Amino acid sequence: MQTRLDFMSVQVRNLSASQEFYTQVIGLEAAEHSPPGAMVFRSQQGAIFAIRLPLPGTEISKDLGLGVGIWFAVDDADAVHAHIVLAGGQVVVPPQPGPFGRMFVVRDPDGYQLTFHQG
């Protein structure tokens, strides 16, 4: 049996603050439609990523980002790093060589570590 990742979402505490971070600091574009309590982002390559408030009946962890690594491929890691720094993003690992090319790591408002890498 073969499976493939179809969709990824992460829980956030404050949808408005996270939406501002992912659009203004990171530069993602929102998809045309998002369900209530969520913001969906879609890349030109088809990958789907979303931020969302916890689903009804689920609890939100106090350590949301603990143990989660989210990787984004970029054409120019240094240019993306400069944009994120200028927009006020919190860089936790500066640009450097990594396992998949030049990379750096940013922390989002809920503690998720976002790695940007240039292949």
C-alpha atoms as a PDB file:
ATOM      1  CA  MET A   1       0.000   0.000   0.000  1.00  0.00           C
ATOM      2  CA  GLN A   2       1.367   3.386  -0.967  1.00  0.00           C
ATOM      3  CA  THR A   3       0.404   6.652   0.695  1.00  0.00           C
ATOM      4  CA  ARG A   4       1.379  10.260   0.119  1.00  0.00           C
ATOM      5  CA  LEU A   5       1.043  13.316   2.279  1.00  0.00           C
ATOM      6  CA  ASP A   6      -2.025  15.165   1.016  1.00  0.00           C
ATOM      7  CA  PHE A   7      -2.462  17.980   3.507  1.00  0.00           C
ATOM      8  CA  MET A   8      -0.734  19.354   6.587  1.00  0.00           C
ATOM      9  CA  SER A   9      -2.128  21.671   9.220  1.00  0.00           C
ATOM     10  CA  VAL A  10      -0.796  22.876  12.539  1.00  0.00           C
ATOM     11  CA  GLN A  11      -2.805  24.061  15.501  1.00  0.00           C
ATOM     12  CA  VAL A  12      -2.378  27.666  16.572  1.00  0.00           C
ATOM     13  CA  ARG A  13      -3.526  29.593  19.613  1.00  0.00           C
ATOM     14  CA  ASN A  14      -4.352  32.859  17.855  1.00  0.00           C
ATOM     15  CA  LEU A  15      -5.473  32.541  14.231  1.00  0.00           C
ATOM     16  CA  SER A  16      -5.164  36.269  13.475  1.00  0.00           C
ATOM     17  CA  ALA A  17      -1.606  36.534  14.825  1.00  0.00           C
ATOM     18  CA  SER A  18      -0.533  33.376  13.004  1.00  0.00           C
ATOM     19  CA  GLN A  19      -2.215  34.489   9.781  1.00  0.00           C
ATOM     20  CA  GLU A  20      -0.304  37.780   9.961  1.00  0.00           C
ATOM     21  CA  PHE A  21       2.979  35.934  10.609  1.00  0.00           C
ATOM     22  CA  TYR A  22       2.570  33.472   7.736  1.00  0.00           C
ATOM     23  CA  THR A  23       1.423  36.108   5.218  1.00  0.00           C
ATOM     24  CA  GLN A  24       3.420  39.207   6.232  1.00  0.00           C
ATOM     25  CA  VAL A  25       6.622  37.695   7.649  1.00  0.00           C
ATOM     26  CA  ILE A  26       6.910  34.427   5.730  1.00  0.00           C
ATOM     27  CA  GLY A  27       5.172  35.648   2.564  1.00  0.00           C
ATOM     28  CA  LEU A  28       2.744  32.776   1.982  1.00  0.00           C
ATOM     29  CA  GLU A  29      -0.399  33.483  -0.004  1.00  0.00           C
ATOM     30  CA  ALA A  30      -3.765  32.375   1.295  1.00  0.00           C
ATOM     31  CA  ALA A  31      -5.863  30.059  -0.837  1.00  0.00           C
ATOM     32  CA  GLU A  32      -9.152  31.455  -2.127  1.00  0.00           C
ATOM     33  CA  HIS A  33     -11.234  29.540   0.396  1.00  0.00           C
ATOM     34  CA  SER A  34     -10.487  28.488   3.959  1.00  0.00           C
ATOM     35  CA  PRO A  35     -12.837  26.714   6.348  1.00  0.00           C
ATOM     36  CA  PRO A  36     -13.996  28.483   9.515  1.00  0.00           C
ATOM     37  CA  GLY A  37     -11.258  28.609  12.139  1.00  0.00           C
ATOM     38  CA  ALA A  38      -8.469  28.033   9.627  1.00  0.00           C
ATOM     39  CA  MET A  39      -6.273  29.668   7.000  1.00  0.00           C
ATOM     40  CA  VAL A  40      -5.170  27.505   4.065  1.00  0.00           C
ATOM     41  CA  PHE A  41      -2.092  28.280   1.968  1.00  0.00           C
ATOM     42  CA  ARG A  42      -1.448  26.594  -1.386  1.00  0.00           C
ATOM     43  CA  SER A  43       1.781  26.664  -3.341  1.00  0.00           C
ATOM     44  CA  GLN A  44       2.063  26.672  -7.118  1.00  0.00           C
ATOM     45  CA  GLN A  45       3.517  23.170  -6.856  1.00  0.00           C
ATOM     46  CA  GLY A  46       0.323  21.882  -5.220  1.00  0.00           C
ATOM     47  CA  ALA A  47       1.442  21.387  -1.611  1.00  0.00           C
ATOM     48  CA  ILE A  48      -1.221  22.399   0.876  1.00  0.00           C
ATOM     49  CA  PHE A  49      -0.417  23.800   4.321  1.00  0.00           C
ATOM     50  CA  ALA A  50      -2.825  25.300   6.848  1.00  0.00           C
ATOM     51  CA  ILE A  51      -2.943  26.869  10.264  1.00  0.00           C
ATOM     52  CA  ARG A  52      -6.037  26.256  12.316  1.00  0.00           C
ATOM     53  CA  LEU A  53      -7.645  26.573  15.683  1.00  0.00           C
ATOM     54  CA  PRO A  54      -8.067  23.175  17.375  1.00  0.00           C
ATOM     55  CA  LEU A  55     -10.900  21.068  15.978  1.00  0.00           C
ATOM     56  CA  PRO A  56     -13.917  20.717  18.266  1.00  0.00           C
ATOM     57  CA  GLY A  57     -13.285  18.006  20.841  1.00  0.00           C
ATOM     58  CA  THR A  58      -9.497  18.280  20.669  1.00  0.00           C
ATOM     59  CA  GLU A  59      -7.215  19.929  23.160  1.00  0.00           C
ATOM     60  CA  ILE A  60      -4.435  22.332  22.368  1.00  0.00           C
ATOM     61  CA  SER A  61      -1.048  21.365  23.746  1.00  0.00           C
ATOM     62  CA  LYS A  62       0.942  23.875  25.763  1.00  0.00           C
ATOM     63  CA  ASP A  63       4.001  22.923  23.671  1.00  0.00           C
ATOM     64  CA  LEU A  64       2.536  23.167  20.156  1.00  0.00           C
ATOM     65  CA  GLY A  65       5.769  23.290  18.198  1.00  0.00           C
ATOM     66  CA  LEU A  66       7.720  20.743  20.236  1.00  0.00           C
ATOM     67  CA  GLY A  67       9.067  17.994  18.013  1.00  0.00           C
ATOM     68  CA  VAL A  68       7.595  19.348  14.764  1.00  0.00           C
ATOM     69  CA  GLY A  69       9.830  20.349  11.867  1.00  0.00           C
ATOM     70  CA  ILE A  70       8.326  22.001   8.808  1.00  0.00           C
ATOM     71  CA  TRP A  71      10.534  22.478   5.743  1.00  0.00           C
ATOM     72  CA  PHE A  72      10.002  24.905   2.876  1.00  0.00           C
ATOM     73  CA  ALA A  73      12.065  24.773  -0.328  1.00  0.00           C
ATOM     74  CA  VAL A  74      13.108  28.192  -1.633  1.00  0.00           C
ATOM     75  CA  ASP A  75      15.068  29.399  -4.650  1.00  0.00           C
ATOM     76  CA  ASP A  76      17.311  31.791  -2.681  1.00  0.00           C
ATOM     77  CA  ALA A  77      17.705  31.110   1.044  1.00  0.00           C
ATOM     78  CA  ASP A  78      19.656  34.315   1.690  1.00  0.00           C
ATOM     79  CA  ALA A  79      17.017  36.514   0.025  1.00  0.00           C
ATOM     80  CA  VAL A  80      14.191  34.814   1.948  1.00  0.00           C
ATOM     81  CA  HIS A  81      16.197  35.151   5.179  1.00  0.00           C
ATOM     82  CA  ALA A  82      16.687  38.888   4.544  1.00  0.00           C
ATOM     83  CA  HIS A  83      12.939  39.338   3.906  1.00  0.00           C
ATOM     84  CA  ILE A  84      11.997  37.454   7.086  1.00  0.00           C
ATOM     85  CA  VAL A  85      14.498  39.401   9.234  1.00  0.00           C
ATOM     86  CA  LEU A  86      13.283  42.715   7.781  1.00  0.00           C
ATOM     87  CA  ALA A  87       9.678  41.693   8.539  1.00  0.00           C
ATOM     88  CA  GLY A  88      10.553  40.932  12.178  1.00  0.00           C
ATOM     89  CA  GLY A  89      10.793  37.129  12.072  1.00  0.00           C
ATOM     90  CA  GLN A  90      12.666  35.304  14.834  1.00  0.00           C
ATOM     91  CA  VAL A  91      15.605  33.452  13.279  1.00  0.00           C
ATOM     92  CA  VAL A  92      16.844  30.640  15.534  1.00  0.00           C
ATOM     93  CA  VAL A  93      19.465  29.177  13.164  1.00  0.00           C
ATOM     94  CA  PRO A  94      21.191  31.605  10.774  1.00  0.00           C
ATOM     95  CA  PRO A  95      21.865  30.727   7.129  1.00  0.00           C
ATOM     96  CA  GLN A  96      24.377  27.904   6.814  1.00  0.00           C
ATOM     97  CA  PRO A  97      25.074  24.720   4.867  1.00  0.00           C
ATOM     98  CA  GLY A  98      22.538  21.992   5.693  1.00  0.00           C
ATOM     99  CA  PRO A  99      21.665  18.442   4.672  1.00  0.00           C
ATOM    100  CA  PHE A 100      19.613  19.638   1.675  1.00  0.00           C
ATOM    101  CA  GLY A 101      21.530  22.791   0.725  1.00  0.00           C
ATOM    102  CA  ARG A 102      21.799  26.248   2.278  1.00  0.00           C
ATOM    103  CA  MET A 103      19.256  26.608   5.077  1.00  0.00           C
ATOM    104  CA  PHE A 104      18.064  28.620   8.072  1.00  0.00           C
ATOM    105  CA  VAL A 105      15.398  28.164  10.754  1.00  0.00           C
ATOM    106  CA  VAL A 106      12.685  30.549  11.990  1.00  0.00           C
ATOM    107  CA  ARG A 107      10.317  30.138  14.953  1.00  0.00           C
ATOM    108  CA  ASP A 108       6.631  30.996  14.460  1.00  0.00           C
ATOM    109  CA  PRO A 109       4.390  32.519  17.182  1.00  0.00           C
ATOM    110  CA  ASP A 110       3.443  29.051  18.514  1.00  0.00           C
ATOM    111  CA  GLY A 111       6.975  27.650  18.615  1.00  0.00           C
ATOM    112  CA  TYR A 112       6.939  25.697  15.360  1.00  0.00           C
ATOM    113  CA  GLN A 113      10.370  25.667  13.758  1.00  0.00           C
ATOM    114  CA  LEU A 114      10.245  26.432  10.054  1.00  0.00           C
ATOM    115  CA  THR A 115      13.295  25.463   8.035  1.00  0.00           C
ATOM    116  CA  PHE A 116      13.881  27.160   4.700  1.00  0.00           C
ATOM    117  CA  HIS A 117      16.306  25.352   2.427  1.00  0.00           C
ATOM    118  CA  GLN A 118      17.791  26.004  -0.974  1.00  0.00           C
ATOM    119  CA  GLY A 119      18.567  22.861  -2.910  1.00  0.00           C
END
